[in-house]
C-alpha atoms as a PDB file:
ATOM      1  CA  MET A   1       3.341  12.391  21.414  1.00  0.00           C
ATOM      2  CA  ALA A   2       5.423  11.242  18.445  1.00  0.00           C
ATOM      3  CA  SER A   3       3.784   8.855  16.011  1.00  0.00           C
ATOM      4  CA  ARG A   4       4.762   5.207  16.348  1.00  0.00           C
ATOM      5  CA  ASP A   5       4.190   4.860  12.622  1.00  0.00           C
ATOM      6  CA  GLN A   6       6.993   6.501  10.688  1.00  0.00           C
ATOM      7  CA  PHE A   7       8.575   6.715   7.262  1.00  0.00           C
ATOM      8  CA  GLN A   8      12.089   7.966   6.515  1.00  0.00           C
ATOM      9  CA  ARG A   9      14.133   8.465   3.386  1.00  0.00           C
ATOM     10  CA  PHE A  10      17.892   8.089   3.323  1.00  0.00           C
ATOM     11  CA  ILE A  11      20.687   8.318   0.777  1.00  0.00           C
ATOM     12  CA  PHE A  12      24.205   7.003   0.501  1.00  0.00           C
ATOM     13  CA  GLU A  13      26.446  10.021   0.049  1.00  0.00           C
ATOM     14  CA  ASP A  14      28.228  10.527  -3.287  1.00  0.00           C
ATOM     15  CA  SER A  15      26.220   7.807  -4.987  1.00  0.00           C
ATOM     16  CA  GLN A  16      23.023   7.209  -6.965  1.00  0.00           C
ATOM     17  CA  VAL A  17      21.632   4.868  -4.321  1.00  0.00           C
ATOM     18  CA  ARG A  18      18.684   5.987  -2.211  1.00  0.00           C
ATOM     19  CA  GLY A  19      16.546   4.174   0.298  1.00  0.00           C
ATOM     20  CA  ALA A  20      13.455   4.309   2.474  1.00  0.00           C
ATOM     21  CA  TRP A  21      12.432   2.760   5.781  1.00  0.00           C
ATOM     22  CA  VAL A  22       8.989   2.407   7.312  1.00  0.00           C
ATOM     23  CA  LYS A  23       7.472   0.883  10.427  1.00  0.00           C
ATOM     24  CA  LEU A  24       3.725   0.611  11.085  1.00  0.00           C
ATOM     25  CA  ASN A  25       2.050  -0.163  14.380  1.00  0.00           C
ATOM     26  CA  ASP A  26      -1.127   1.800  15.089  1.00  0.00           C
ATOM     27  CA  SER A  27      -2.247   2.238  11.472  1.00  0.00           C
ATOM     28  CA  TYR A  28      -1.552  -1.436  10.739  1.00  0.00           C
ATOM     29  CA  SER A  29      -3.621  -2.444  13.768  1.00  0.00           C
ATOM     30  CA  GLU A  30      -6.498  -0.136  12.774  1.00  0.00           C
ATOM     31  CA  ILE A  31      -6.610  -1.593   9.270  1.00  0.00           C
ATOM     32  CA  GLY A  32      -5.964  -5.169  10.383  1.00  0.00           C
ATOM     33  CA  ASN A  33      -8.714  -5.021  12.982  1.00  0.00           C
ATOM     34  CA  GLN A  34     -11.384  -4.060  10.428  1.00  0.00           C
ATOM     35  CA  ALA A  35     -11.974  -7.789   9.842  1.00  0.00           C
ATOM     36  CA  PRO A  36     -11.009 -11.087  11.550  1.00  0.00           C
ATOM     37  CA  TYR A  37      -8.153 -11.743   9.157  1.00  0.00           C
ATOM     38  CA  PRO A  38      -6.362 -15.109   9.407  1.00  0.00           C
ATOM     39  CA  ALA A  39      -2.714 -14.664  10.409  1.00  0.00           C
ATOM     40  CA  SER A  40      -1.322 -15.316   6.922  1.00  0.00           C
ATOM     41  CA  VAL A  41      -3.751 -12.854   5.280  1.00  0.00           C
ATOM     42  CA  ARG A  42      -3.032 -10.230   7.936  1.00  0.00           C
ATOM     43  CA  ARG A  43       0.714 -10.562   7.344  1.00  0.00           C
ATOM     44  CA  MET A  44       0.278 -10.296   3.576  1.00  0.00           C
ATOM     45  CA  LEU A  45      -1.836  -7.176   4.074  1.00  0.00           C
ATOM     46  CA  GLY A  46       0.863  -5.774   6.360  1.00  0.00           C
ATOM     47  CA  GLU A  47       3.599  -6.383   3.782  1.00  0.00           C
ATOM     48  CA  SER A  48       1.439  -4.743   1.116  1.00  0.00           C
ATOM     49  CA  LEU A  49       0.819  -1.655   3.256  1.00  0.00           C
ATOM     50  CA  VAL A  50       4.544  -1.326   3.930  1.00  0.00           C
ATOM     51  CA  ALA A  51       5.331  -1.724   0.231  1.00  0.00           C
ATOM     52  CA  SER A  52       2.789   0.967  -0.718  1.00  0.00           C
ATOM     53  CA  VAL A  53       4.396   3.440   1.705  1.00  0.00           C
ATOM     54  CA  LEU A  54       7.917   2.660   0.471  1.00  0.00           C
ATOM     55  CA  MET A  55       6.891   3.028  -3.170  1.00  0.00           C
ATOM     56  CA  SER A  56       5.044   6.281  -2.436  1.00  0.00           C
ATOM     57  CA  SER A  57       8.462   7.841  -1.859  1.00  0.00           C
ATOM     58  CA  THR A  58       8.867   7.786  -5.649  1.00  0.00           C
ATOM     59  CA  LEU A  59       5.790   9.998  -6.227  1.00  0.00           C
ATOM     60  CA  LYS A  60       6.673  13.408  -7.646  1.00  0.00           C
ATOM     61  CA  PHE A  61       3.163  14.843  -7.344  1.00  0.00           C
ATOM     62  CA  GLU A  62       0.136  14.912  -5.067  1.00  0.00           C
ATOM     63  CA  GLY A  63      -1.897  11.740  -5.373  1.00  0.00           C
ATOM     64  CA  THR A  64      -1.950   8.088  -4.374  1.00  0.00           C
ATOM     65  CA  LEU A  65      -0.126   4.875  -5.146  1.00  0.00           C
ATOM     66  CA  SER A  66      -1.955   1.602  -4.692  1.00  0.00           C
ATOM     67  CA  LEU A  67      -0.994  -2.045  -4.914  1.00  0.00           C
ATOM     68  CA  GLN A  68      -3.833  -4.349  -5.951  1.00  0.00           C
ATOM     69  CA  ALA A  69      -3.997  -8.098  -6.422  1.00  0.00           C
ATOM     70  CA  GLN A  70      -6.811 -10.437  -7.385  1.00  0.00           C
ATOM     71  CA  GLY A  71      -6.649 -14.193  -7.684  1.00  0.00           C
ATOM     72  CA  ASN A  72      -8.547 -17.461  -7.611  1.00  0.00           C
ATOM     73  CA  GLY A  73      -6.888 -18.701  -4.423  1.00  0.00           C
ATOM     74  CA  PRO A  74      -8.202 -18.351  -0.857  1.00  0.00           C
ATOM     75  CA  LEU A  75      -7.051 -14.696  -0.860  1.00  0.00           C
ATOM     76  CA  ARG A  76      -9.377 -13.203  -3.477  1.00  0.00           C
ATOM     77  CA  THR A  77      -8.507  -9.515  -3.255  1.00  0.00           C
ATOM     78  CA  LEU A  78      -5.660  -7.560  -1.710  1.00  0.00           C
ATOM     79  CA  MET A  79      -5.299  -3.782  -1.817  1.00  0.00           C
ATOM     80  CA  ALA A  80      -3.006  -1.294  -0.093  1.00  0.00           C
ATOM     81  CA  GLU A  81      -2.920   2.413  -0.830  1.00  0.00           C
ATOM     82  CA  CYS A  82      -0.693   5.281   0.296  1.00  0.00           C
ATOM     83  CA  SER A  83      -1.045   8.971  -0.484  1.00  0.00           C
ATOM     84  CA  HIS A  84       1.781  11.440  -1.065  1.00  0.00           C
ATOM     85  CA  ASP A  85       1.277  12.694   2.514  1.00  0.00           C
ATOM     86  CA  ARG A  86       1.521   9.153   3.970  1.00  0.00           C
ATOM     87  CA  PHE A  87      -2.087   8.336   4.710  1.00  0.00           C
ATOM     88  CA  ILE A  88      -2.753   4.646   4.169  1.00  0.00           C
ATOM     89  CA  ARG A  89      -5.686   2.301   3.838  1.00  0.00           C
ATOM     90  CA  GLY A  90      -6.045  -1.324   2.796  1.00  0.00           C
ATOM     91  CA  LEU A  91      -8.209  -4.408   2.736  1.00  0.00           C
ATOM     92  CA  ALA A  92      -8.264  -8.106   1.926  1.00  0.00           C
ATOM     93  CA  ARG A  93     -11.093 -10.365   0.793  1.00  0.00           C
ATOM     94  CA  TYR A  94     -10.652 -14.075   1.454  1.00  0.00           C
ATOM     95  CA  ASP A  95     -12.325 -17.445   1.745  1.00  0.00           C
ATOM     96  CA  GLU A  96     -12.326 -17.989   5.488  1.00  0.00           C
ATOM     97  CA  HIS A  97     -12.768 -21.747   5.090  1.00  0.00           C
ATOM     98  CA  ALA A  98      -9.775 -22.189   2.787  1.00  0.00           C
ATOM     99  CA  VAL A  99      -6.963 -20.040   4.206  1.00  0.00           C
ATOM    100  CA  THR A 100      -4.263 -22.447   5.319  1.00  0.00           C
ATOM    101  CA  GLU A 101      -1.460 -21.297   3.025  1.00  0.00           C
ATOM    102  CA  GLU A 102       1.363 -18.910   3.850  1.00  0.00           C
ATOM    103  CA  SER A 103       3.057 -17.982   0.558  1.00  0.00           C
ATOM    104  CA  LEU A 104       1.883 -15.317  -1.880  1.00  0.00           C
ATOM    105  CA  ASP A 105       1.414 -17.817  -4.702  1.00  0.00           C
ATOM    106  CA  ALA A 106      -0.560 -20.257  -2.576  1.00  0.00           C
ATOM    107  CA  LEU A 107      -2.773 -17.509  -1.145  1.00  0.00           C
ATOM    108  CA  LEU A 108      -3.559 -15.725  -4.412  1.00  0.00           C
ATOM    109  CA  GLY A 109      -3.399 -18.626  -6.843  1.00  0.00           C
ATOM    110  CA  GLU A 110      -3.627 -17.518 -10.455  1.00  0.00           C
ATOM    111  CA  GLY A 111      -4.481 -13.889 -10.935  1.00  0.00           C
ATOM    112  CA  ARG A 112      -3.301 -10.367 -11.527  1.00  0.00           C
ATOM    113  CA  MET A 113      -1.298  -7.830  -9.559  1.00  0.00           C
ATOM    114  CA  ALA A 114      -0.908  -4.175 -10.478  1.00  0.00           C
ATOM    115  CA  ILE A 115       0.437  -0.860  -9.230  1.00  0.00           C
ATOM    116  CA  THR A 116      -1.819   2.130  -9.863  1.00  0.00           C
ATOM    117  CA  ILE A 117      -0.595   5.709  -9.604  1.00  0.00           C
ATOM    118  CA  SER A 118      -3.415   8.258  -9.401  1.00  0.00           C
ATOM    119  CA  PRO A 119      -2.400  11.931  -9.462  1.00  0.00           C
ATOM    120  CA  ASP A 120      -4.870  14.409  -7.972  1.00  0.00           C
ATOM    121  CA  LYS A 121      -4.441  16.282 -11.257  1.00  0.00           C
ATOM    122  CA  GLY A 122      -3.561  14.347 -14.356  1.00  0.00           C
ATOM    123  CA  GLN A 123      -3.934  10.934 -15.892  1.00  0.00           C
ATOM    124  CA  ARG A 124      -3.905   7.694 -13.938  1.00  0.00           C
ATOM    125  CA  TYR A 125      -1.186   5.137 -14.711  1.00  0.00           C
ATOM    126  CA  GLN A 126      -1.319   1.396 -14.086  1.00  0.00           C
ATOM    127  CA  GLY A 127       1.505  -1.105 -14.431  1.00  0.00           C
ATOM    128  CA  VAL A 128       1.243  -4.898 -14.233  1.00  0.00           C
ATOM    129  CA  VAL A 129       3.392  -6.586 -11.589  1.00  0.00           C
ATOM    130  CA  PRO A 130       4.928  -9.918 -12.678  1.00  0.00           C
ATOM    131  CA  ARG A 131       3.910 -12.873 -10.510  1.00  0.00           C
ATOM    132  CA  GLU A 132       6.931 -15.076 -11.180  1.00  0.00           C
ATOM    133  CA  GLU A 133       8.618 -14.667  -7.785  1.00  0.00           C
ATOM    134  CA  GLU A 134       7.554 -16.526  -4.659  1.00  0.00           C
ATOM    135  CA  ASN A 135       7.039 -13.490  -2.417  1.00  0.00           C
ATOM    136  CA  LEU A 136       5.757  -9.933  -2.694  1.00  0.00           C
ATOM    137  CA  ALA A 137       9.194  -8.347  -2.386  1.00  0.00           C
ATOM    138  CA  GLY A 138      10.498 -10.386  -5.310  1.00  0.00           C
ATOM    139  CA  CYS A 139       7.487  -9.544  -7.479  1.00  0.00           C
ATOM    140  CA  LEU A 140       7.934  -5.819  -6.853  1.00  0.00           C
ATOM    141  CA  GLU A 141      11.652  -6.016  -7.598  1.00  0.00           C
ATOM    142  CA  GLU A 142      10.818  -7.611 -10.950  1.00  0.00           C
ATOM    143  CA  TYR A 143       8.310  -4.834 -11.654  1.00  0.00           C
ATOM    144  CA  PHE A 144      10.856  -2.074 -11.120  1.00  0.00           C
ATOM    145  CA  GLU A 145      13.497  -3.923 -13.125  1.00  0.00           C
ATOM    146  CA  ARG A 146      11.210  -4.522 -16.119  1.00  0.00           C
ATOM    147  CA  SER A 147       8.838  -1.563 -16.133  1.00  0.00           C
ATOM    148  CA  GLU A 148      10.934   1.232 -14.642  1.00  0.00           C
ATOM    149  CA  GLN A 149      14.442  -0.061 -15.431  1.00  0.00           C
ATOM    150  CA  ILE A 150      15.456   0.943 -11.911  1.00  0.00           C
ATOM    151  CA  PRO A 151      17.255  -1.708  -9.826  1.00  0.00           C
ATOM    152  CA  THR A 152      15.234  -1.910  -6.596  1.00  0.00           C
ATOM    153  CA  SER A 153      15.340  -4.155  -3.544  1.00  0.00           C
ATOM    154  CA  PHE A 154      12.582  -4.701  -0.989  1.00  0.00           C
ATOM    155  CA  PHE A 155      12.725  -6.256   2.466  1.00  0.00           C
ATOM    156  CA  LEU A 156       9.192  -6.651   3.870  1.00  0.00           C
ATOM    157  CA  PHE A 157       8.073  -8.135   7.179  1.00  0.00           C
ATOM    158  CA  ALA A 158       4.863  -8.301   9.197  1.00  0.00           C
ATOM    159  CA  ASP A 159       3.572 -10.094  12.274  1.00  0.00           C
ATOM    160  CA  GLU A 160       0.334  -9.769  14.231  1.00  0.00           C
ATOM    161  CA  THR A 161       1.026  -6.283  15.617  1.00  0.00           C
ATOM    162  CA  SER A 162       3.667  -4.610  13.432  1.00  0.00           C
ATOM    163  CA  SER A 163       4.806  -4.359   9.848  1.00  0.00           C
ATOM    164  CA  ALA A 164       8.026  -2.841   8.550  1.00  0.00           C
ATOM    165  CA  GLY A 165      10.201  -2.644   5.502  1.00  0.00           C
ATOM    166  CA  LEU A 166      13.266  -1.341   3.765  1.00  0.00           C
ATOM    167  CA  MET A 167      13.724  -0.318   0.126  1.00  0.00           C
ATOM    168  CA  LEU A 168      16.915   0.384  -1.800  1.00  0.00           C
ATOM    169  CA  GLN A 169      17.004   1.922  -5.289  1.00  0.00           C
ATOM    170  CA  LYS A 170      19.807   2.649  -7.714  1.00  0.00           C
ATOM    171  CA  LEU A 171      18.873   5.670  -9.786  1.00  0.00           C
ATOM    172  CA  PRO A 172      20.060   6.134 -13.376  1.00  0.00           C
ATOM    173  CA  GLY A 173      23.534   7.558 -13.833  1.00  0.00           C
ATOM    174  CA  ASN A 174      27.047   6.421 -13.063  1.00  0.00           C
ATOM    175  CA  THR A 175      28.407   8.789 -10.465  1.00  0.00           C
ATOM    176  CA  GLU A 176      29.613   5.988  -8.167  1.00  0.00           C
ATOM    177  CA  GLN A 177      33.323   5.868  -7.709  1.00  0.00           C
ATOM    178  CA  ASP A 178      32.668   2.600  -5.896  1.00  0.00           C
ATOM    179  CA  SER A 179      31.518   0.151  -8.598  1.00  0.00           C
ATOM    180  CA  ASP A 180      30.698  -2.548  -6.029  1.00  0.00           C
ATOM    181  CA  LEU A 181      28.481  -0.308  -3.896  1.00  0.00           C
ATOM    182  CA  TRP A 182      25.074  -1.562  -5.106  1.00  0.00           C
ATOM    183  CA  ASP A 183      25.969  -5.237  -4.707  1.00  0.00           C
ATOM    184  CA  ARG A 184      27.565  -4.619  -1.328  1.00  0.00           C
ATOM    185  CA  LEU A 185      24.569  -2.666   0.007  1.00  0.00           C
ATOM    186  CA  ASN A 186      22.187  -5.398  -1.097  1.00  0.00           C
ATOM    187  CA  HIS A 187      24.307  -8.048   0.550  1.00  0.00           C
ATOM    188  CA  LEU A 188      24.326  -6.064   3.793  1.00  0.00           C
ATOM    189  CA  ALA A 189      20.585  -5.354   3.628  1.00  0.00           C
ATOM    190  CA  SER A 190      19.809  -9.025   3.037  1.00  0.00           C
ATOM    191  CA  THR A 191      21.211  -9.826   6.481  1.00  0.00           C
ATOM    192  CA  VAL A 192      18.434  -7.886   8.244  1.00  0.00           C
ATOM    193  CA  GLU A 193      16.196 -10.006  10.445  1.00  0.00           C
ATOM    194  CA  ALA A 194      12.439  -9.588  10.761  1.00  0.00           C
ATOM    195  CA  GLU A 195      12.743  -8.867  14.487  1.00  0.00           C
ATOM    196  CA  GLU A 196      15.183  -6.032  13.827  1.00  0.00           C
ATOM    197  CA  LEU A 197      12.946  -4.227  11.350  1.00  0.00           C
ATOM    198  CA  LEU A 198       9.807  -4.846  13.414  1.00  0.00           C
ATOM    199  CA  THR A 199      11.213  -3.629  16.738  1.00  0.00           C
ATOM    200  CA  LEU A 200      14.115  -1.223  16.178  1.00  0.00           C
ATOM    201  CA  ASP A 201      14.147   2.436  15.133  1.00  0.00           C
ATOM    202  CA  SER A 202      15.522   3.519  11.777  1.00  0.00           C
ATOM    203  CA  GLU A 203      18.848   4.866  13.042  1.00  0.00           C
ATOM    204  CA  THR A 204      19.645   1.634  14.844  1.00  0.00           C
ATOM    205  CA  VAL A 205      18.695  -0.530  11.860  1.00  0.00           C
ATOM    206  CA  LEU A 206      20.673   1.529   9.364  1.00  0.00           C
ATOM    207  CA  HIS A 207      23.701   1.684  11.649  1.00  0.00           C
ATOM    208  CA  ARG A 208      23.668  -2.083  12.128  1.00  0.00           C
ATOM    209  CA  LEU A 209      23.437  -2.699   8.399  1.00  0.00           C
ATOM    210  CA  PHE A 210      25.520   0.101   6.907  1.00  0.00           C
ATOM    211  CA  HIS A 211      27.842   1.375   9.642  1.00  0.00           C
ATOM    212  CA  GLU A 212      30.810   1.340   7.250  1.00  0.00           C
ATOM    213  CA  GLU A 213      28.945   3.474   4.677  1.00  0.00           C
ATOM    214  CA  THR A 214      28.138   7.202   4.747  1.00  0.00           C
ATOM    215  CA  VAL A 215      24.379   7.426   5.140  1.00  0.00           C
ATOM    216  CA  ARG A 216      22.322  10.618   5.342  1.00  0.00           C
ATOM    217  CA  LEU A 217      18.983  10.060   7.052  1.00  0.00           C
ATOM    218  CA  PHE A 218      16.227  12.604   6.423  1.00  0.00           C
ATOM    219  CA  ASP A 219      13.562  13.684   8.922  1.00  0.00           C
ATOM    220  CA  ALA A 220      10.915  11.151   9.850  1.00  0.00           C
ATOM    221  CA  GLU A 221       7.392  11.565   8.476  1.00  0.00           C
ATOM    222  CA  PRO A 222       4.326  10.266  10.331  1.00  0.00           C
ATOM    223  CA  VAL A 223       2.165   7.598   8.685  1.00  0.00           C
ATOM    224  CA  ALA A 224      -1.507   7.205   9.618  1.00  0.00           C
ATOM    225  CA  PHE A 225      -4.630   5.344   8.594  1.00  0.00           C
ATOM    226  CA  ARG A 226      -7.177   7.587   6.932  1.00  0.00           C
ATOM    227  CA  CYS A 227      -9.906   6.582   4.557  1.00  0.00           C
ATOM    228  CA  SER A 228     -10.660   8.924   1.668  1.00  0.00           C
ATOM    229  CA  CYS A 229     -14.326   7.950   1.470  1.00  0.00           C
ATOM    230  CA  SER A 230     -16.985  10.641   1.941  1.00  0.00           C
ATOM    231  CA  ARG A 231     -20.675  11.167   1.412  1.00  0.00           C
ATOM    232  CA  GLU A 232     -19.870  13.199  -1.707  1.00  0.00           C
ATOM    233  CA  ARG A 233     -17.699  10.449  -3.200  1.00  0.00           C
ATOM    234  CA  THR A 234     -20.352   7.856  -2.459  1.00  0.00           C
ATOM    235  CA  LEU A 235     -22.925  10.000  -4.245  1.00  0.00           C
ATOM    236  CA  GLY A 236     -20.508  10.127  -7.170  1.00  0.00           C
ATOM    237  CA  ALA A 237     -20.502   6.334  -7.246  1.00  0.00           C
ATOM    238  CA  LEU A 238     -24.316   6.333  -7.286  1.00  0.00           C
ATOM    239  CA  GLU A 239     -24.291   8.825 -10.143  1.00  0.00           C
ATOM    240  CA  ALA A 240     -22.058   6.439 -12.068  1.00  0.00           C
ATOM    241  CA  ILE A 241     -24.550   3.601 -11.451  1.00  0.00           C
ATOM    242  CA  GLY A 242     -27.170   5.715 -13.174  1.00  0.00           C
ATOM    243  CA  LYS A 243     -30.535   7.306 -12.504  1.00  0.00           C
ATOM    244  CA  GLU A 244     -32.635   4.320 -13.540  1.00  0.00           C
ATOM    245  CA  GLU A 245     -30.813   1.852 -11.297  1.00  0.00           C
ATOM    246  CA  CYS A 246     -30.852   4.214  -8.301  1.00  0.00           C
ATOM    247  CA  TYR A 247     -34.603   4.806  -8.516  1.00  0.00           C
ATOM    248  CA  SER A 248     -35.170   1.078  -8.991  1.00  0.00           C
ATOM    249  CA  ILE A 249     -33.365   0.408  -5.693  1.00  0.00           C
ATOM    250  CA  LEU A 250     -35.365   3.176  -4.005  1.00  0.00           C
ATOM    251  CA  ASP A 251     -38.663   1.706  -5.229  1.00  0.00           C
ATOM    252  CA  GLU A 252     -37.662  -1.713  -3.919  1.00  0.00           C
ATOM    253  CA  GLN A 253     -35.952  -0.822  -0.640  1.00  0.00           C
ATOM    254  CA  GLY A 254     -37.057   2.723   0.225  1.00  0.00           C
ATOM    255  CA  SER A 255     -33.475   3.961   0.571  1.00  0.00           C
ATOM    256  CA  ILE A 256     -29.982   3.218  -0.708  1.00  0.00           C
ATOM    257  CA  GLU A 257     -27.466   2.073   1.893  1.00  0.00           C
ATOM    258  CA  MET A 258     -23.757   1.632   1.249  1.00  0.00           C
ATOM    259  CA  ASP A 259     -20.767   0.719   3.422  1.00  0.00           C
ATOM    260  CA  CYS A 260     -17.199   1.753   2.686  1.00  0.00           C
ATOM    261  CA  GLN A 261     -15.179  -1.415   2.170  1.00  0.00           C
ATOM    262  CA  PHE A 262     -12.082   0.170   3.750  1.00  0.00           C
ATOM    263  CA  CYS A 263     -13.395   1.744   6.954  1.00  0.00           C
ATOM    264  CA  TYR A 264     -16.973   0.398   7.124  1.00  0.00           C
ATOM    265  CA  GLN A 265     -18.461   3.893   7.307  1.00  0.00           C
ATOM    266  CA  HIS A 266     -22.193   3.563   6.643  1.00  0.00           C
ATOM    267  CA  TYR A 267     -23.952   5.869   4.199  1.00  0.00           C
ATOM    268  CA  ARG A 268     -27.730   6.110   3.718  1.00  0.00           C
ATOM    269  CA  PHE A 269     -29.484   8.022   0.937  1.00  0.00           C
ATOM    270  CA  ASP A 270     -33.226   8.654   0.709  1.00  0.00           C
ATOM    271  CA  ARG A 271     -35.344   9.763  -2.235  1.00  0.00           C
ATOM    272  CA  ASN A 272     -34.642  13.445  -1.548  1.00  0.00           C
ATOM    273  CA  ASP A 273     -30.895  12.768  -1.797  1.00  0.00           C
ATOM    274  CA  ILE A 274     -31.300  10.957  -5.114  1.00  0.00           C
ATOM    275  CA  ASP A 275     -33.665  13.618  -6.474  1.00  0.00           C
ATOM    276  CA  HIS A 276     -31.088  16.266  -5.665  1.00  0.00           C
ATOM    277  CA  LEU A 277     -28.310  14.173  -7.199  1.00  0.00           C
ATOM    278  CA  PHE A 278     -29.997  13.784 -10.568  1.00  0.00           C
ATOM    279  CA  THR A 279     -32.191  16.908 -10.846  1.00  0.00           C
ATOM    280  CA  GLY A 280     -30.471  19.424  -8.581  1.00  0.00           C
ATOM    281  CA  HIS A 281     -33.550  19.945  -6.425  1.00  0.00           C
ATOM    282  CA  THR A 282     -35.899  18.047  -4.110  1.00  0.00           C
ATOM    283  CA  LEU A 283     -39.648  17.972  -3.645  1.00  0.00           C
ATOM    284  CA  HIS A 284     -39.405  19.117  -0.007  1.00  0.00           C
END
């Protein structure tokens, strides 16, 4: 059975313009159902997940790209992450008594947004996303314009059950014989309706928008929810906390229990586990 959650790249022939399309159903539902998110928070999480998948198409190595936001509004924390092989995860933390707003600014209030690129091998990079635009798509467009100097357009939509998006990018170079191409493509893309992106397949959407252009659509790639947490990684987090703190918790509580904030997997560590972590052996 083919995945309902798919990502596809496309290019406009004989030009420097490339694009990507994504639609999420099952993975969005799995992530969205981890908590009783208010509708506006769920939609913002959906847009963020879509954006992380679209931006992951720019990765040239194995690793992850994540979009993170923190603010003093009713939406305290927002995070969406996509790996190079299209596994996604995400979460939102919010004040359940204060979420009545719909816009990004009203939900987050004052705060910080960043894109973090984490190669499996190599140094992590983080870039700050400007918060001057009223929606997430606009903020990300400003980021690419300022930080990457790559003209980029995003079209992001989400409802209760689906999220979807479209990205266009104009790469460096001037091979276009058609000088109006970038402006024309953006004008055409801006006519897309939420219902179209949320319900139609990629070929239909691209044909409706760009039927007068020569578009090459690459093979679809499945997208799925998968959390990267593990018992080993959780032990690594305990090691970072330090020996003294870990044994203090053990003395007080008898064991150390931790839940993954993305998938709610429960981990429990007893004294033998902590002994082995810090000394390499246990008493039993």
